[in-house]
């Protein structure tokens, strides 16, 4: 497997919707707000990650299980609230 890259697995939000780049999500357990960004590292891992520089959050999206995050909007579009 040397030389092959790993892609971050897709994750679904609480409604079953696949989380995409630039989605704004809230962790239903911690209430932290995060932006979904595209990322890669020197080990060949690439894909979507969560980011919040103010709160010091930065990790691969697939560390969150399906149903833990809630999409509340998208930074490229608008708020999807009630």
N, C-alpha and C. Protein backbone atom coordinates (compact mmCIF):
# COMPACT_ATOMS: atom_id res chain seq x y z
N UNK A 1 0.81 -1.18 0.00
CA UNK A 1 0.00 0.00 0.00
C UNK A 1 0.86 1.26 0.00
N UNK A 2 2.14 1.12 0.04
CA UNK A 2 3.04 2.27 0.02
C UNK A 2 2.83 3.06 -1.26
N UNK A 3 2.86 4.40 -1.12
CA UNK A 3 2.70 5.25 -2.28
C UNK A 3 1.26 5.55 -2.64
N UNK A 4 0.32 4.85 -2.02
CA UNK A 4 -1.10 5.11 -2.30
C UNK A 4 -1.63 6.12 -1.30
N UNK A 5 -2.52 6.97 -1.74
CA UNK A 5 -3.10 7.96 -0.84
C UNK A 5 -4.40 7.45 -0.24
N UNK A 6 -4.74 8.03 0.90
CA UNK A 6 -5.98 7.70 1.57
C UNK A 6 -6.93 8.87 1.43
N UNK A 7 -8.15 8.58 1.05
CA UNK A 7 -9.16 9.62 0.94
C UNK A 7 -10.08 9.54 2.16
N UNK A 8 -10.42 10.69 2.70
CA UNK A 8 -11.29 10.77 3.86
C UNK A 8 -12.69 10.32 3.44
N UNK A 9 -13.29 9.43 4.23
CA UNK A 9 -14.61 8.88 3.92
C UNK A 9 -15.70 9.93 4.07
N UNK A 10 -16.75 9.84 3.24
CA UNK A 10 -17.88 10.77 3.38
C UNK A 10 -18.59 10.57 4.72
N UNK A 11 -19.20 11.64 5.21
CA UNK A 11 -19.95 11.59 6.47
C UNK A 11 -21.31 12.23 6.22
N UNK A 12 -22.36 11.67 6.86
CA UNK A 12 -23.72 12.21 6.74
C UNK A 12 -24.09 12.95 8.02
N UNK A 13 -24.91 13.98 7.86
CA UNK A 13 -25.37 14.74 9.02
C UNK A 13 -26.57 14.04 9.67
N UNK A 14 -27.19 14.67 10.65
CA UNK A 14 -28.29 14.06 11.39
C UNK A 14 -29.51 13.75 10.53
N UNK A 15 -29.64 14.41 9.38
CA UNK A 15 -30.77 14.16 8.49
C UNK A 15 -30.44 13.15 7.40
N UNK A 16 -29.19 12.68 7.36
CA UNK A 16 -28.78 11.73 6.34
C UNK A 16 -28.18 12.38 5.11
N UNK A 17 -28.06 13.70 5.12
CA UNK A 17 -27.49 14.44 3.99
C UNK A 17 -25.95 14.35 4.04
N UNK A 18 -25.32 14.08 2.89
CA UNK A 18 -23.86 13.99 2.83
C UNK A 18 -23.27 15.39 3.04
N UNK A 19 -22.31 15.50 3.95
CA UNK A 19 -21.66 16.78 4.24
C UNK A 19 -20.67 17.09 3.13
N UNK A 20 -20.73 18.35 2.64
CA UNK A 20 -19.90 18.76 1.50
C UNK A 20 -19.02 19.95 1.86
N UNK A 21 -18.07 20.23 0.97
CA UNK A 21 -17.15 21.35 1.12
C UNK A 21 -17.92 22.66 1.32
N UNK A 22 -17.46 23.45 2.26
CA UNK A 22 -18.00 24.76 2.64
C UNK A 22 -19.31 24.69 3.40
N UNK A 23 -19.78 23.48 3.76
CA UNK A 23 -20.93 23.40 4.66
C UNK A 23 -20.52 23.94 6.02
N UNK A 24 -21.45 24.60 6.68
CA UNK A 24 -21.27 25.05 8.05
C UNK A 24 -22.04 24.05 8.90
N UNK A 25 -21.35 23.43 9.86
CA UNK A 25 -21.97 22.39 10.67
C UNK A 25 -21.87 22.71 12.15
N UNK A 26 -22.79 22.13 12.92
CA UNK A 26 -22.77 22.24 14.37
C UNK A 26 -22.71 20.83 14.92
N UNK A 27 -21.83 20.62 15.89
CA UNK A 27 -21.77 19.34 16.58
C UNK A 27 -22.92 19.30 17.57
N UNK A 28 -23.84 18.37 17.42
CA UNK A 28 -25.03 18.30 18.27
C UNK A 28 -24.70 17.98 19.73
N UNK A 29 -23.52 17.45 20.01
CA UNK A 29 -23.15 17.10 21.38
C UNK A 29 -22.39 18.22 22.09
N UNK A 30 -21.49 18.90 21.37
CA UNK A 30 -20.66 19.94 21.99
C UNK A 30 -21.11 21.35 21.62
N UNK A 31 -21.98 21.46 20.61
CA UNK A 31 -22.49 22.74 20.10
C UNK A 31 -21.42 23.60 19.44
N UNK A 32 -20.30 23.00 19.06
CA UNK A 32 -19.23 23.72 18.36
C UNK A 32 -19.64 23.91 16.90
N UNK A 33 -19.33 25.08 16.36
CA UNK A 33 -19.62 25.42 14.96
C UNK A 33 -18.34 25.27 14.16
N UNK A 34 -18.43 24.61 13.01
CA UNK A 34 -17.24 24.35 12.20
C UNK A 34 -17.55 24.54 10.72
N UNK A 35 -16.52 24.86 9.97
CA UNK A 35 -16.61 24.98 8.52
C UNK A 35 -15.94 23.75 7.90
N UNK A 36 -16.53 23.22 6.84
CA UNK A 36 -15.95 22.07 6.14
C UNK A 36 -15.05 22.60 5.03
N UNK A 37 -13.78 22.16 5.06
CA UNK A 37 -12.79 22.60 4.08
C UNK A 37 -12.13 21.40 3.43
N UNK A 38 -11.49 21.62 2.30
CA UNK A 38 -10.71 20.58 1.64
C UNK A 38 -9.28 20.66 2.18
N UNK A 39 -8.69 19.50 2.46
CA UNK A 39 -7.36 19.49 3.06
C UNK A 39 -6.56 18.28 2.59
N UNK A 40 -5.26 18.31 2.85
CA UNK A 40 -4.37 17.18 2.58
C UNK A 40 -3.17 17.30 3.50
N UNK A 41 -2.43 16.20 3.62
CA UNK A 41 -1.22 16.26 4.44
C UNK A 41 -0.07 15.53 3.75
N UNK A 42 1.08 15.54 4.39
CA UNK A 42 2.28 14.96 3.80
C UNK A 42 2.25 13.43 3.75
N UNK A 43 1.29 12.80 4.41
CA UNK A 43 1.16 11.34 4.40
C UNK A 43 0.27 10.85 3.27
N UNK A 44 -0.21 11.77 2.43
CA UNK A 44 -1.04 11.38 1.30
C UNK A 44 -2.52 11.34 1.61
N UNK A 45 -2.92 11.75 2.80
CA UNK A 45 -4.33 11.79 3.14
C UNK A 45 -4.92 13.07 2.55
N UNK A 46 -6.08 12.95 1.91
CA UNK A 46 -6.74 14.13 1.35
C UNK A 46 -8.25 13.96 1.46
N UNK A 47 -8.93 15.08 1.52
CA UNK A 47 -10.39 15.05 1.60
C UNK A 47 -10.90 16.17 2.46
N UNK A 48 -12.10 16.00 3.00
CA UNK A 48 -12.74 17.05 3.77
C UNK A 48 -12.32 17.01 5.24
N UNK A 49 -12.23 18.21 5.80
CA UNK A 49 -11.85 18.36 7.20
C UNK A 49 -12.75 19.41 7.84
N UNK A 50 -12.82 19.38 9.17
CA UNK A 50 -13.55 20.42 9.91
C UNK A 50 -12.54 21.45 10.39
N UNK A 51 -12.95 22.72 10.42
CA UNK A 51 -12.04 23.79 10.81
C UNK A 51 -12.79 24.87 11.57
N UNK A 52 -12.20 25.33 12.64
CA UNK A 52 -12.65 26.53 13.36
C UNK A 52 -11.42 27.08 14.04
N UNK A 53 -10.76 28.05 13.41
CA UNK A 53 -9.52 28.61 13.94
C UNK A 53 -9.71 29.31 15.28
N UNK A 54 -10.87 29.91 15.50
CA UNK A 54 -11.12 30.61 16.75
C UNK A 54 -11.18 29.64 17.92
N UNK A 55 -11.85 28.49 17.73
CA UNK A 55 -11.99 27.50 18.79
C UNK A 55 -10.84 26.49 18.80
N UNK A 56 -9.94 26.58 17.83
CA UNK A 56 -8.81 25.65 17.77
C UNK A 56 -9.19 24.25 17.30
N UNK A 57 -10.22 24.16 16.45
CA UNK A 57 -10.68 22.86 15.96
C UNK A 57 -10.13 22.64 14.56
N UNK A 58 -9.55 21.48 14.34
CA UNK A 58 -9.06 21.10 13.03
C UNK A 58 -8.83 19.60 13.00
N UNK A 59 -9.66 18.89 12.26
CA UNK A 59 -9.53 17.44 12.18
C UNK A 59 -10.19 16.94 10.91
N UNK A 60 -9.91 15.72 10.55
CA UNK A 60 -10.55 15.12 9.39
C UNK A 60 -12.03 14.94 9.68
N UNK A 61 -12.86 15.11 8.67
CA UNK A 61 -14.30 14.99 8.82
C UNK A 61 -14.69 13.59 9.29
N UNK A 62 -13.99 12.57 8.81
CA UNK A 62 -14.42 11.20 9.14
C UNK A 62 -14.14 10.77 10.58
N UNK A 63 -13.60 11.64 11.42
CA UNK A 63 -13.49 11.30 12.85
C UNK A 63 -14.85 11.48 13.53
N UNK A 64 -15.78 12.15 12.86
CA UNK A 64 -17.12 12.33 13.37
C UNK A 64 -18.03 11.27 12.76
N UNK A 65 -18.73 10.50 13.58
CA UNK A 65 -19.61 9.47 13.03
C UNK A 65 -20.83 10.09 12.35
N UNK A 66 -21.43 9.33 11.44
CA UNK A 66 -22.67 9.78 10.81
C UNK A 66 -23.66 10.19 11.90
N UNK A 67 -24.34 11.32 11.69
CA UNK A 67 -25.38 11.75 12.61
C UNK A 67 -24.92 12.60 13.77
N UNK A 68 -23.64 12.89 13.89
CA UNK A 68 -23.15 13.73 15.00
C UNK A 68 -23.17 15.21 14.65
N UNK A 69 -23.06 15.52 13.36
CA UNK A 69 -23.02 16.91 12.93
C UNK A 69 -24.33 17.29 12.24
N UNK A 70 -24.68 18.56 12.33
CA UNK A 70 -25.89 19.09 11.69
C UNK A 70 -25.48 20.21 10.73
N UNK A 71 -25.86 20.09 9.46
CA UNK A 71 -25.60 21.16 8.50
C UNK A 71 -26.58 22.30 8.78
N UNK A 72 -26.04 23.51 8.99
CA UNK A 72 -26.90 24.67 9.24
C UNK A 72 -26.83 25.67 8.09
N UNK A 73 -25.98 25.43 7.12
CA UNK A 73 -25.85 26.31 5.96
C UNK A 73 -24.62 25.96 5.17
N UNK A 74 -24.30 26.84 4.24
CA UNK A 74 -23.12 26.65 3.42
C UNK A 74 -22.50 28.03 3.21
N UNK A 75 -21.21 28.13 3.41
CA UNK A 75 -20.51 29.42 3.31
C UNK A 75 -20.60 30.01 1.91
N UNK A 76 -20.90 29.22 0.90
CA UNK A 76 -21.03 29.71 -0.46
C UNK A 76 -22.45 30.17 -0.78
N UNK A 77 -23.42 29.80 0.05
CA UNK A 77 -24.82 30.13 -0.27
C UNK A 77 -25.45 30.91 0.88
N UNK A 78 -26.38 30.29 1.60
CA UNK A 78 -27.09 31.01 2.64
C UNK A 78 -27.55 30.08 3.76
N UNK A 79 -28.12 30.65 4.79
CA UNK A 79 -28.63 29.95 5.95
C UNK A 79 -29.82 29.07 5.58
N UNK A 80 -29.84 27.82 6.12
CA UNK A 80 -30.93 26.88 5.80
C UNK A 80 -31.91 26.73 6.97
N UNK A 81 -31.93 27.67 7.90
CA UNK A 81 -32.73 27.55 9.11
C UNK A 81 -34.23 27.52 8.88
N UNK A 82 -34.94 27.41 9.99
CA UNK A 82 -36.41 27.30 9.97
C UNK A 82 -37.08 28.51 9.38
